[in-house]
Amino acid sequence: MVYFLNYFQHRRDCNFKQAERIQRIQNLTSYHGAFTAPERQVLAKPIEELVQDVHKQVLQPIDILRAYGKAALKAHEKTNCVTEVMISAAEGWTTDGSINMKGPLAGIPISLKDSIVVGGFDTSVGYSCNVGNKGEKDGTMVRLLKDAGAVPYVKTNLPVTLLSFESTNDVWGKCTNPHNNKYSPGGSTGGESALMAAGGGRIGIGSDVAGSVRVPAHFSGIYSLRCSTGRWPKFGMVTSMPGQEGIPSVFSPMSRTLEDLTYFTKSLISMKPWKYDHSVHPIPWRAEAIKDIEEGKKLRFGVLRTDGVVDPSPACARAVEEVVQALKKQGHEVVDVEPPSPYEALYIASQLLNADGCKTFKSFFRTGEWEDTGAKQMSWLMSLPSPFKWVYYMWVKYVRRDEVWAGLVKDWKEKSAYEQWKFVAKREAYKAKFHDWWEQEAKIDVMITPPNATPAVPHDGMKDAVSSCGYTFLFNLLDYTCGIMPITHVDKSLDQLPSDFSLKELNGVAQGAYKLYDATAMHGLPVAVQVVGQRLEEEKVLAVMKTIEEALGDDKYQLLDID
């Protein structure tokens, strides 16, 4: 009986939240219909220009909010990207003094991943058990944003568990890719990427524990920056894995343009976020760190062509090569690199991230609640009795002769504190080894990699591709700063698999990724590259991204038009 009651409460809460969202949207009568000419002018301006207009009182914050509020509702209708609709409240915030309209982000609407706490609104994180958990006060991140002048106006969709490159849950439903609704916009910050790719926002904030602001940017065709821990606030959030610090989650910015990403990052750091959050290092914006890059210094780029686990698909390899050729034409030195085993990093990181045996994220589920297919694969394998797991491991290693998948499966179990500490020691040893390689052997300024082996996955594709996350997860373990910039689109005439391609010859991780790769079906989906600096090199990574964009010239990625 308890299970039935639990299920019925789950359905009631999901229905309530969806009905509430519908009603809030219907109440916004002035936010429907075609864009006016002034609204289109607002949507076309970079955020730095909008801030200047607000400071000069040429433009009122409410006018910016109305333009982006209308754009957000259009994007939501197309992709189901929005969760909490805060536009009505935001109208009041623009005039009641709760937002500092003299700040560096004055009047800029900002979208937030659903896990970020805004006073007066739920922070469900896709779990129905969190419905009704609204707090009275803004979380730390939102206080900082409002003091900078930003106007929170919508929260965005994500996957239940937050451990997926998709964004689906029972509370809010399935978020789709604005380029092709049969595909995911990414995860776990997929609602943000869908919103911005469709033109419903210019700047937003997500979080990243294995690629969750980077993969959505790659899947949807926007820009993002994975900050190192300590450079960005981490408090004022709700998560699916509180206490998980083996691979810390980092909140970081996402944007529609590189210009906005840079201005926003610089502006927020100028607010001295360490005054708001004790976990932030007191490091101001370091213009001197990028002076040489801005003045045209020739750089040494290392190119990671493959992580040795899953070779990048033709589309993703082509995007990397386009960047390589553009940089060479500008006189930069570009070399292929082979860093310390990325597979070792994938092994260590996956064991640390799920050291609790997947218990924590599962503890929030109610009876009958839908579970992300990728997370379900992880928890199912984790729950297998030891004798069955051992048999499966032996079959994978000695019958299938798949050393890669067997190695990941072998120690896939809940860890004692004693066992987890050993993995933390392995993590630190790997980080030291990678640092020495970068400084003493590779001697590179920055690294270019694919963000993922494939473009966007089809819905429910994470059932197969859940372990194919090495290109991003590697840098979570290292805690390196990474930027994502869209480069091109899948082309069915250029990106087909070779005629002699054989799925059977691949390891289990690669098989899961390539089951989903179809250049014809994926035609038109975005493809990005990842720009990697070392730890706490946010300024440098953003400057190098600008260098790459300038090198691409007329071949620069074209954003989706705003409908």
Protein backbone atom coordinates (compact mmCIF):
# COMPACT_ATOMS: atom_id res chain seq x y z
CA MET A 1 0.00 0.00 0.00
CA VAL A 2 2.84 2.40 0.86
CA TYR A 3 4.33 1.88 -2.59
CA PHE A 4 1.01 2.67 -4.28
CA LEU A 5 0.56 5.81 -2.20
CA ASN A 6 4.13 6.84 -3.01
CA TYR A 7 3.48 6.40 -6.73
CA PHE A 8 0.23 8.36 -6.66
CA GLN A 9 1.94 11.22 -4.82
CA HIS A 10 4.67 11.17 -7.46
CA ARG A 11 2.11 11.53 -10.25
CA ARG A 12 0.21 14.28 -8.40
CA ASP A 13 3.38 16.30 -7.90
CA CYS A 14 4.45 15.92 -11.53
CA ASN A 15 1.01 16.93 -12.77
CA PHE A 16 0.96 19.88 -10.39
CA LYS A 17 4.30 21.26 -11.60
CA GLN A 18 3.41 20.90 -15.26
CA ALA A 19 0.02 22.55 -14.75
CA GLU A 20 1.68 25.34 -12.77
CA ARG A 21 4.12 25.95 -15.62
CA ILE A 22 1.32 26.05 -18.19
CA GLN A 23 -0.63 28.54 -16.09
CA ARG A 24 2.37 30.80 -15.55
CA ILE A 25 3.02 30.87 -19.30
CA GLN A 26 -0.64 31.58 -20.08
CA ASN A 27 -0.64 34.46 -17.60
CA LEU A 28 2.18 36.16 -19.50
CA THR A 29 -0.19 37.61 -22.07
CA SER A 30 2.22 40.31 -23.28
CA TYR A 31 4.96 37.74 -23.94
CA HIS A 32 3.25 35.95 -26.83
CA GLY A 33 3.15 36.80 -30.50
CA ALA A 34 5.71 38.04 -33.01
CA PHE A 35 8.75 40.08 -32.00
CA THR A 36 8.51 43.83 -32.44
CA ALA A 37 11.32 45.73 -34.19
CA PRO A 38 12.70 47.08 -30.86
CA GLU A 39 12.65 43.55 -29.39
CA ARG A 40 14.66 42.23 -32.32
CA GLN A 41 17.18 45.03 -31.78
CA VAL A 42 17.54 43.93 -28.16
CA LEU A 43 17.98 40.27 -29.15
CA ALA A 44 20.70 41.20 -31.63
CA LYS A 45 22.88 43.09 -29.15
CA PRO A 46 25.78 41.59 -27.13
CA ILE A 47 25.23 41.77 -23.40
CA GLU A 48 28.00 44.35 -22.93
CA GLU A 49 26.11 46.79 -25.18
CA LEU A 50 22.83 46.08 -23.39
CA VAL A 51 24.48 46.84 -20.05
CA GLN A 52 25.83 50.14 -21.40
CA ASP A 53 22.34 51.02 -22.64
CA VAL A 54 20.89 50.32 -19.19
CA HIS A 55 23.59 52.37 -17.47
CA LYS A 56 22.91 55.29 -19.84
CA GLN A 57 19.16 54.76 -19.35
CA VAL A 58 18.77 54.44 -23.11
CA LEU A 59 17.09 51.10 -22.47
CA GLN A 60 15.01 49.95 -19.52
CA PRO A 61 15.64 46.51 -17.95
CA ILE A 62 11.97 45.63 -18.39
CA ASP A 63 12.35 46.03 -22.18
CA ILE A 64 15.24 43.56 -22.24
CA LEU A 65 13.28 41.16 -20.03
CA ARG A 66 10.23 41.32 -22.30
CA ALA A 67 12.31 40.57 -25.40
CA TYR A 68 14.08 37.59 -23.83
CA GLY A 69 11.02 36.43 -21.96
CA LYS A 70 9.17 36.21 -25.26
CA ALA A 71 12.16 34.48 -26.89
CA ALA A 72 12.37 31.98 -24.02
CA LEU A 73 8.72 31.00 -24.37
CA LYS A 74 9.21 30.43 -28.10
CA ALA A 75 12.28 28.30 -27.42
CA HIS A 76 10.36 26.36 -24.77
CA GLU A 77 7.48 25.67 -27.13
CA LYS A 78 10.01 24.19 -29.54
CA THR A 79 12.16 22.19 -27.10
CA ASN A 80 10.52 21.93 -23.64
CA CYS A 81 13.61 23.57 -22.17
CA VAL A 82 12.08 25.68 -19.37
CA THR A 83 11.11 24.45 -15.88
CA GLU A 84 10.37 27.28 -13.43
CA VAL A 85 8.93 30.34 -15.22
CA MET A 86 10.04 33.32 -13.11
CA ILE A 87 9.26 36.12 -15.57
CA SER A 88 6.40 37.67 -13.58
CA ALA A 89 8.54 37.84 -10.46
CA ALA A 90 11.46 39.15 -12.53
CA GLU A 91 9.34 42.09 -13.67
CA GLY A 92 9.07 43.15 -10.03
CA TRP A 93 12.77 42.57 -9.37
CA THR A 94 13.71 45.03 -12.11
CA THR A 95 12.02 47.89 -10.23
CA ASP A 96 11.88 47.01 -6.52
CA GLY A 97 15.56 47.53 -5.78
CA SER A 98 16.42 43.86 -5.29
CA ILE A 99 18.70 43.96 -8.34
CA ASN A 100 21.65 46.34 -8.64
CA MET A 101 21.10 48.17 -11.93
CA LYS A 102 24.52 49.80 -11.67
CA GLY A 103 26.34 46.46 -11.77
CA PRO A 104 28.37 45.01 -14.66
CA LEU A 105 25.42 42.82 -15.73
CA ALA A 106 22.70 45.45 -15.27
CA GLY A 107 19.41 44.31 -16.74
CA ILE A 108 20.73 41.13 -18.38
CA PRO A 109 18.23 38.23 -18.21
CA ILE A 110 20.00 35.10 -17.00
CA SER A 111 18.75 31.54 -17.22
CA LEU A 112 19.65 29.02 -14.55
CA LYS A 113 19.91 25.27 -14.43
CA ASP A 114 17.00 23.94 -12.37
CA SER A 115 19.37 22.97 -9.55
CA ILE A 116 20.14 26.62 -8.65
CA VAL A 117 18.14 28.01 -5.73
CA VAL A 118 15.96 31.06 -6.34
CA GLY A 119 13.88 32.31 -3.42
CA GLY A 120 10.17 31.65 -3.82
CA PHE A 121 10.59 28.89 -6.42
CA ASP A 122 11.05 25.13 -6.21
CA THR A 123 14.40 23.51 -6.92
CA SER A 124 13.16 20.09 -7.94
CA VAL A 125 16.22 18.88 -9.91
CA GLY A 126 13.77 16.66 -11.77
CA TYR A 127 12.78 14.64 -8.69
CA SER A 128 9.13 14.78 -7.65
CA CYS A 129 10.11 14.44 -3.97
CA ASN A 130 11.53 17.98 -4.21
CA VAL A 131 8.28 19.55 -5.39
CA GLY A 132 7.27 22.20 -2.87
CA ASN A 133 10.79 22.72 -1.48
CA LYS A 134 10.88 26.44 -2.29
CA GLY A 135 13.00 28.49 0.08
CA GLU A 136 12.38 32.03 1.24
CA LYS A 137 15.80 33.36 0.24
CA ASP A 138 17.95 33.28 -2.87
CA GLY A 139 20.92 30.94 -2.84
CA THR A 140 24.47 32.28 -2.87
CA MET A 141 24.81 32.17 -6.66
CA VAL A 142 21.60 34.12 -7.23
CA ARG A 143 22.48 36.76 -4.62
CA LEU A 144 25.76 37.31 -6.45
CA LEU A 145 24.03 37.53 -9.82
CA LYS A 146 21.43 40.02 -8.62
CA ASP A 147 24.12 42.18 -7.02
CA ALA A 148 25.87 42.18 -10.41
CA GLY A 149 22.63 43.36 -12.02
CA ALA A 150 21.53 40.12 -13.70
CA VAL A 151 17.83 39.24 -13.82
CA PRO A 152 16.98 35.53 -13.33
CA TYR A 153 13.95 34.85 -15.54
CA VAL A 154 13.72 31.09 -16.21
CA LYS A 155 15.14 27.86 -14.87
CA THR A 156 15.91 25.06 -17.29
CA ASN A 157 15.51 21.34 -17.78
CA LEU A 158 17.93 18.59 -16.81
CA PRO A 159 18.04 14.82 -16.38
CA VAL A 160 16.84 13.21 -13.19
CA THR A 161 20.05 12.03 -11.38
CA LEU A 162 22.08 14.74 -13.23
CA LEU A 163 24.24 11.90 -14.59
CA SER A 164 23.37 11.93 -18.27
CA PHE A 165 24.03 13.63 -21.57
CA GLU A 166 20.25 13.84 -21.99
CA SER A 167 17.70 16.02 -20.16
CA THR A 168 14.53 14.12 -19.28
CA ASN A 169 12.57 13.59 -16.08
CA ASP A 170 9.00 12.88 -14.99
CA VAL A 171 8.49 16.29 -13.39
CA TRP A 172 9.17 18.38 -16.48
CA GLY A 173 9.29 15.95 -19.38
CA LYS A 174 11.79 15.53 -22.21
CA CYS A 175 13.92 18.38 -23.52
CA THR A 176 14.77 18.20 -27.23
CA ASN A 177 17.52 19.54 -29.47
CA PRO A 178 16.42 22.66 -31.40
CA HIS A 179 18.30 21.43 -34.48
CA ASN A 180 16.48 18.07 -34.56
CA ASN A 181 13.82 17.07 -32.04
CA LYS A 182 14.74 13.38 -32.32
CA TYR A 183 18.02 14.13 -30.57
CA SER A 184 19.08 15.22 -27.10
CA PRO A 185 20.29 18.78 -26.43
CA GLY A 186 22.81 17.25 -24.04
CA GLY A 187 22.94 16.97 -20.28
CA SER A 188 22.93 17.47 -17.54
CA THR A 189 22.59 21.14 -18.48
CA GLY A 190 20.58 20.40 -21.61
CA GLY A 191 17.77 22.86 -20.96
CA GLU A 192 20.29 25.69 -20.94
CA SER A 193 21.88 24.64 -24.22
CA ALA A 194 18.49 24.18 -25.91
CA LEU A 195 17.28 27.58 -24.68
CA MET A 196 20.33 29.44 -25.93
CA ALA A 197 20.73 27.56 -29.19
CA ALA A 198 17.11 28.41 -30.02
CA GLY A 199 17.71 32.06 -29.16
CA GLY A 200 15.75 32.11 -25.90
CA GLY A 201 18.69 33.48 -23.92
CA ARG A 202 22.19 34.87 -24.27
CA ILE A 203 23.78 33.74 -21.01
CA GLY A 204 23.12 31.11 -18.37
CA ILE A 205 24.68 28.93 -15.70
CA GLY A 206 24.98 25.16 -15.52
CA SER A 207 27.09 22.61 -13.67
CA ASP A 208 29.66 20.07 -14.82
CA VAL A 209 30.84 16.85 -13.14
CA ALA A 210 31.65 14.75 -16.23
CA GLY A 211 30.98 17.17 -19.08
CA SER A 212 27.59 18.62 -18.17
CA VAL A 213 28.12 22.16 -19.52
CA ARG A 214 30.47 21.06 -22.30
CA VAL A 215 28.60 18.21 -23.94
CA PRO A 216 25.32 20.21 -24.11
CA ALA A 217 27.21 23.06 -25.78
CA HIS A 218 28.65 20.57 -28.29
CA PHE A 219 25.30 18.85 -28.89
CA SER A 220 23.33 22.10 -29.31
CA GLY A 221 25.77 24.52 -30.90
CA ILE A 222 26.60 27.11 -28.21
CA TYR A 223 29.62 28.12 -26.12
CA SER A 224 30.53 27.09 -22.59
CA LEU A 225 33.38 27.30 -20.11
CA ARG A 226 34.14 24.62 -17.57
CA CYS A 227 35.80 26.58 -14.75
CA SER A 228 38.24 25.01 -12.34
CA THR A 229 37.07 24.42 -8.78
CA GLY A 230 37.56 27.51 -6.66
CA ARG A 231 37.11 30.02 -9.46
CA TRP A 232 33.32 29.96 -9.42
CA PRO A 233 30.75 29.77 -6.60
CA LYS A 234 29.39 26.33 -5.67
CA PHE A 235 26.85 27.10 -2.94
CA GLY A 236 23.16 27.87 -3.27
CA MET A 237 22.37 24.70 -5.19
CA VAL A 238 20.46 21.42 -4.83
CA THR A 239 22.06 18.28 -6.21
CA SER A 240 21.40 14.60 -6.76
CA MET A 241 24.64 13.61 -5.04
CA PRO A 242 25.24 15.82 -1.99
CA GLY A 243 28.61 15.08 -0.40
CA GLN A 244 30.18 13.64 -3.56
CA GLU A 245 33.63 15.22 -3.73
CA GLY A 246 35.70 12.49 -5.42
CA ILE A 247 35.09 14.36 -8.68
CA PRO A 248 33.69 17.75 -7.63
CA SER A 249 30.88 19.33 -9.63
CA VAL A 250 31.61 22.84 -10.86
CA PHE A 251 29.06 25.52 -11.73
CA SER A 252 30.04 27.37 -14.89
CA PRO A 253 28.72 29.71 -17.60
CA MET A 254 27.15 28.89 -20.97
CA SER A 255 26.36 31.39 -23.71
CA ARG A 256 25.12 31.93 -27.23
CA THR A 257 28.29 33.78 -28.30
CA LEU A 258 31.94 33.79 -27.29
CA GLU A 259 31.84 37.56 -26.82
CA ASP A 260 29.09 37.20 -24.20
CA LEU A 261 30.83 34.28 -22.49
CA THR A 262 33.99 36.32 -22.00
CA TYR A 263 32.22 39.47 -20.84
CA PHE A 264 30.01 37.55 -18.42
CA THR A 265 32.90 35.60 -16.89
CA LYS A 266 34.99 38.72 -16.45
CA SER A 267 32.04 40.60 -14.96
CA LEU A 268 31.18 37.96 -12.41
CA ILE A 269 34.78 37.63 -11.27
CA SER A 270 34.89 41.43 -10.93
CA MET A 271 32.16 41.04 -8.28
CA LYS A 272 34.68 39.28 -5.98
CA PRO A 273 32.67 36.07 -5.63
CA TRP A 274 34.95 34.99 -2.77
CA LYS A 275 33.08 37.57 -0.69
CA TYR A 276 29.90 35.52 -1.23
CA ASP A 277 31.22 31.97 -1.14
CA HIS A 278 34.10 30.77 1.03
CA SER A 279 35.03 28.07 -1.50
CA VAL A 280 36.05 30.63 -4.16
CA HIS A 281 39.72 31.54 -4.43
CA PRO A 282 40.38 35.30 -4.17
CA ILE A 283 41.74 35.53 -7.71
CA PRO A 284 40.72 38.68 -9.63
CA TRP A 285 40.48 38.78 -13.42
CA ARG A 286 44.07 38.55 -14.70
CA ALA A 287 44.37 40.66 -17.86
CA GLU A 288 48.14 40.34 -17.73
CA ALA A 289 47.84 36.57 -18.16
CA ILE A 290 46.49 36.97 -21.68
CA LYS A 291 48.30 40.08 -22.89
CA ASP A 292 50.66 38.08 -25.13
CA ILE A 293 47.77 36.13 -26.66
CA GLU A 294 45.80 39.29 -27.37
CA GLU A 295 48.87 40.82 -29.00
CA GLY A 296 49.16 37.90 -31.40
CA LYS A 297 51.74 35.63 -29.77
CA LYS A 298 52.22 32.40 -31.72
CA LEU A 299 51.08 29.50 -29.59
CA ARG A 300 51.95 25.81 -29.37
CA PHE A 301 48.77 23.73 -29.62
CA GLY A 302 48.64 20.07 -28.67
CA VAL A 303 45.97 18.05 -30.48
CA LEU A 304 44.47 15.00 -28.82
CA ARG A 305 43.14 13.05 -31.82
CA THR A 306 41.77 10.17 -29.75
CA ASP A 307 41.51 9.19 -26.10
CA GLY A 308 42.39 5.60 -26.99
CA VAL A 309 39.01 4.37 -25.79
CA VAL A 310 36.60 5.71 -28.42
CA ASP A 311 38.01 7.23 -31.60
CA PRO A 312 36.07 10.36 -32.59
CA SER A 313 33.45 9.92 -35.30
CA PRO A 314 34.20 11.38 -38.74
CA ALA A 315 32.16 14.52 -37.99
CA CYS A 316 34.00 15.21 -34.72
CA ALA A 317 37.41 14.43 -36.23
CA ARG A 318 36.65 16.82 -39.11
CA ALA A 319 35.81 19.66 -36.70
CA VAL A 320 39.17 19.22 -34.97
CA GLU A 321 40.99 19.16 -38.31
CA GLU A 322 39.27 22.37 -39.45
CA VAL A 323 40.61 24.13 -36.36
CA VAL A 324 44.08 22.63 -36.85
CA GLN A 325 44.30 23.88 -40.43
CA ALA A 326 43.02 27.35 -39.51
CA LEU A 327 45.62 27.67 -36.74
CA LYS A 328 48.46 26.51 -38.99
CA LYS A 329 47.52 29.15 -41.55
CA GLN A 330 47.93 31.76 -38.81
CA GLY A 331 51.44 30.52 -38.06
CA HIS A 332 50.72 28.68 -34.81
CA GLU A 333 52.59 25.48 -34.02
CA VAL A 334 50.26 22.48 -33.91
CA VAL A 335 51.44 19.04 -32.76
CA ASP A 336 49.66 15.76 -32.10
CA VAL A 337 50.02 14.64 -28.49
CA GLU A 338 49.65 11.42 -26.53
CA PRO A 339 49.10 12.28 -22.85
CA PRO A 340 49.15 9.79 -19.98
CA SER A 341 46.47 7.15 -20.52
CA PRO A 342 43.04 8.83 -20.71
CA TYR A 343 41.60 5.36 -20.09
CA GLU A 344 43.27 5.33 -16.68
CA ALA A 345 41.58 8.65 -15.93
CA LEU A 346 38.19 7.32 -17.06
CA TYR A 347 38.64 4.30 -14.79
CA ILE A 348 39.63 6.35 -11.72
CA ALA A 349 37.01 9.06 -12.25
CA SER A 350 34.11 6.64 -12.79
CA GLN A 351 34.99 4.70 -9.65
CA LEU A 352 35.20 7.88 -7.55
CA LEU A 353 32.02 9.47 -8.90
CA ASN A 354 29.99 6.38 -8.02
CA ALA A 355 31.87 5.28 -4.91
CA ASP A 356 28.60 5.20 -2.96
CA GLY A 357 27.31 2.38 -5.14
CA CYS A 358 24.84 4.78 -6.85
CA LYS A 359 22.86 4.87 -3.60
CA THR A 360 22.62 8.62 -3.19
CA PHE A 361 21.01 9.58 -6.49
CA LYS A 362 18.68 6.58 -6.22
CA SER A 363 17.59 7.54 -2.70
CA PHE A 364 15.48 10.42 -4.05
CA PHE A 365 13.36 8.28 -6.36
CA ARG A 366 9.74 7.54 -5.64
CA THR A 367 7.89 4.41 -6.67
CA GLY A 368 7.47 4.25 -10.43
CA GLU A 369 9.58 7.32 -11.13
CA TRP A 370 11.34 7.20 -14.48
CA GLU A 371 15.11 6.76 -14.31
CA ASP A 372 17.50 8.00 -16.96
CA THR A 373 18.53 5.06 -19.13
CA GLY A 374 22.24 5.74 -18.73
CA ALA A 375 22.11 6.11 -14.95
CA LYS A 376 19.94 3.00 -14.81
CA GLN A 377 22.65 1.02 -16.60
CA MET A 378 25.19 2.16 -14.02
CA SER A 379 23.03 1.35 -11.02
CA TRP A 380 21.89 -1.99 -12.47
CA LEU A 381 25.46 -3.15 -12.96
CA MET A 382 26.38 -1.84 -9.52
CA SER A 383 23.57 -3.88 -7.93
CA LEU A 384 24.55 -7.20 -9.53
CA PRO A 385 25.54 -9.77 -6.88
CA SER A 386 29.30 -10.30 -6.80
CA PRO A 387 29.27 -13.85 -8.27
CA PHE A 388 27.22 -12.69 -11.29
CA LYS A 389 29.40 -9.64 -11.76
CA TRP A 390 32.52 -11.81 -11.67
CA VAL A 391 31.08 -14.14 -14.32
CA TYR A 392 30.16 -11.14 -16.47
CA TYR A 393 33.66 -9.71 -16.06
CA MET A 394 35.29 -13.01 -17.04
CA TRP A 395 33.02 -13.31 -20.08
CA VAL A 396 33.83 -9.76 -21.23
CA LYS A 397 37.57 -10.17 -20.73
CA TYR A 398 38.18 -13.71 -21.95
CA VAL A 399 35.31 -14.47 -24.33
CA ARG A 400 34.72 -11.05 -25.88
CA ARG A 401 38.40 -10.18 -25.31
CA ASP A 402 37.44 -6.64 -24.40
CA GLU A 403 40.06 -5.37 -21.95
CA VAL A 404 38.61 -1.83 -21.93
CA TRP A 405 35.07 -2.66 -20.81
CA ALA A 406 36.28 -5.47 -18.53
CA GLY A 407 38.59 -3.06 -16.73
CA LEU A 408 35.74 -0.65 -16.02
CA VAL A 409 33.43 -3.43 -14.82
CA LYS A 410 35.90 -5.24 -12.58
CA ASP A 411 35.81 -2.83 -9.63
CA TRP A 412 32.31 -1.47 -10.27
CA LYS A 413 31.00 -1.74 -6.72
CA GLU A 414 30.27 0.32 -3.65
CA LYS A 415 33.50 1.46 -1.99
CA SER A 416 34.42 1.48 1.67
CA ALA A 417 36.19 4.57 2.97
CA TYR A 418 39.40 2.56 2.85
CA GLU A 419 38.84 1.72 -0.83
CA GLN A 420 37.77 5.24 -1.77
CA TRP A 421 40.87 6.76 -0.21
CA LYS A 422 42.98 4.51 -2.41
CA PHE A 423 41.22 5.87 -5.47
CA VAL A 424 41.74 9.45 -4.27
CA ALA A 425 45.45 8.64 -4.02
CA LYS A 426 45.34 7.28 -7.58
CA ARG A 427 43.60 10.45 -8.72
CA GLU A 428 46.28 12.67 -7.23
CA ALA A 429 49.08 10.55 -8.69
CA TYR A 430 47.49 10.75 -12.13
CA LYS A 431 47.11 14.54 -11.87
CA ALA A 432 50.78 14.88 -10.99
CA LYS A 433 51.79 12.63 -13.89
CA PHE A 434 49.66 14.62 -16.34
CA HIS A 435 51.06 17.92 -15.11
CA ASP A 436 54.63 16.71 -15.57
CA TRP A 437 53.80 15.47 -19.06
CA TRP A 438 52.26 18.82 -20.04
CA GLU A 439 55.13 20.92 -18.68
CA GLN A 440 58.18 18.76 -19.38
CA GLU A 441 57.29 16.60 -22.38
CA ALA A 442 54.49 18.16 -24.43
CA LYS A 443 55.43 21.75 -23.56
CA ILE A 444 52.19 23.07 -25.01
CA ASP A 445 50.25 26.24 -24.33
CA VAL A 446 46.83 24.70 -24.81
CA MET A 447 45.20 21.49 -26.02
CA ILE A 448 42.50 20.90 -28.64
CA THR A 449 40.29 17.79 -28.34
CA PRO A 450 36.91 16.53 -29.48
CA PRO A 451 34.29 17.17 -26.77
CA ASN A 452 32.71 13.77 -27.38
CA ALA A 453 33.15 10.85 -29.76
CA THR A 454 29.88 11.66 -31.53
CA PRO A 455 27.49 14.56 -32.05
CA ALA A 456 24.18 14.60 -30.14
CA VAL A 457 22.74 11.26 -29.10
CA PRO A 458 19.16 10.27 -29.97
CA HIS A 459 16.71 10.21 -27.07
CA ASP A 460 17.35 7.28 -24.69
CA GLY A 461 20.72 6.81 -26.38
CA MET A 462 22.58 7.04 -23.09
CA LYS A 463 21.55 3.45 -22.41
CA ASP A 464 24.32 2.55 -24.83
CA ALA A 465 26.62 5.59 -24.58
CA VAL A 466 26.70 6.11 -20.81
CA SER A 467 30.39 5.23 -20.47
CA SER A 468 31.47 7.23 -23.55
CA CYS A 469 32.36 10.42 -21.74
CA GLY A 470 36.14 10.26 -21.58
CA TYR A 471 36.91 13.39 -23.59
CA THR A 472 35.26 15.58 -20.96
CA PHE A 473 35.52 13.41 -17.82
CA LEU A 474 39.32 13.39 -18.13
CA PHE A 475 39.45 17.10 -17.40
CA ASN A 476 37.04 16.88 -14.47
CA LEU A 477 39.51 14.54 -12.82
CA LEU A 478 42.38 16.92 -13.65
CA ASP A 479 40.26 19.99 -12.75
CA TYR A 480 41.47 21.78 -15.87
CA THR A 481 39.73 24.77 -17.43
CA CYS A 482 37.97 23.86 -20.69
CA GLY A 483 36.02 25.81 -23.26
CA ILE A 484 33.61 24.55 -25.89
CA MET A 485 33.11 26.33 -29.20
CA PRO A 486 30.89 25.15 -32.06
CA ILE A 487 32.75 24.72 -35.35
CA THR A 488 30.57 23.04 -37.96
CA HIS A 489 27.57 20.78 -38.59
CA VAL A 490 27.32 17.11 -39.45
CA ASP A 491 27.40 16.70 -43.22
CA LYS A 492 25.93 13.49 -44.62
CA SER A 493 28.22 13.69 -47.64
CA LEU A 494 31.43 14.25 -45.66
CA ASP A 495 30.96 12.37 -42.39
CA GLN A 496 29.94 8.81 -43.30
CA LEU A 497 31.71 5.91 -41.65
CA PRO A 498 34.25 4.04 -43.82
CA SER A 499 32.80 1.21 -45.91
CA ASP A 500 34.88 -1.33 -43.97
CA PHE A 501 33.76 -0.06 -40.53
CA SER A 502 32.87 -2.91 -38.15
CA LEU A 503 31.07 -2.38 -34.86
CA LYS A 504 32.09 -5.85 -33.65
CA GLU A 505 35.77 -4.93 -33.64
CA LEU A 506 35.27 -2.12 -31.13
CA ASN A 507 35.52 -2.29 -27.35
CA GLY A 508 32.33 -2.11 -25.30
CA VAL A 509 32.57 1.63 -24.66
CA ALA A 510 33.13 2.44 -28.32
CA GLN A 511 30.35 0.09 -29.41
CA GLY A 512 27.90 1.98 -27.21
CA ALA A 513 28.86 5.28 -28.85
CA TYR A 514 28.97 4.08 -32.44
CA LYS A 515 25.64 2.27 -32.25
CA LEU A 516 24.17 5.76 -32.31
CA TYR A 517 26.29 7.37 -35.05
CA ASP A 518 24.45 7.91 -38.32
CA ALA A 519 25.75 10.81 -40.41
CA THR A 520 22.64 10.84 -42.59
CA ALA A 521 20.19 11.01 -39.67
CA MET A 522 22.49 13.47 -37.86
CA HIS A 523 22.87 15.80 -40.84
CA GLY A 524 22.79 19.40 -39.60
CA LEU A 525 23.57 18.70 -35.94
CA PRO A 526 26.28 20.93 -34.43
CA VAL A 527 29.86 19.76 -33.89
CA ALA A 528 32.27 21.55 -31.55
CA VAL A 529 35.84 21.34 -30.31
CA GLN A 530 37.14 21.50 -26.76
CA VAL A 531 39.87 23.98 -25.84
CA VAL A 532 41.81 22.90 -22.76
CA GLY A 533 44.06 24.91 -20.50
CA GLN A 534 45.55 23.93 -17.17
CA ARG A 535 43.95 24.52 -13.81
CA LEU A 536 42.55 28.02 -13.11
CA GLU A 537 43.32 29.29 -16.62
CA GLU A 538 39.91 30.72 -17.45
CA GLU A 539 41.31 33.94 -18.93
CA LYS A 540 43.75 32.03 -21.13
CA VAL A 541 41.18 29.55 -22.44
CA LEU A 542 38.75 32.32 -23.37
CA ALA A 543 41.53 34.27 -25.12
CA VAL A 544 42.59 31.19 -27.08
CA MET A 545 38.98 30.53 -28.09
CA LYS A 546 38.93 34.05 -29.53
CA THR A 547 42.19 33.32 -31.36
CA ILE A 548 40.62 30.22 -32.91
CA GLU A 549 37.45 32.06 -33.88
CA GLU A 550 39.48 34.77 -35.58
CA ALA A 551 41.56 32.13 -37.38
CA LEU A 552 38.39 30.53 -38.73
CA GLY A 553 37.33 33.86 -40.24
CA ASP A 554 34.39 33.50 -42.60
CA ASP A 555 34.15 29.81 -41.68
CA LYS A 556 32.98 30.74 -38.18
CA TYR A 557 29.99 28.72 -36.94
CA GLN A 558 26.58 30.14 -37.78
CA LEU A 559 24.04 30.19 -34.96
CA LEU A 560 20.42 29.17 -35.39
CA ASP A 561 18.20 32.10 -36.31
CA ILE A 562 15.80 33.37 -33.67
CA ASP A 563 12.28 32.59 -34.88
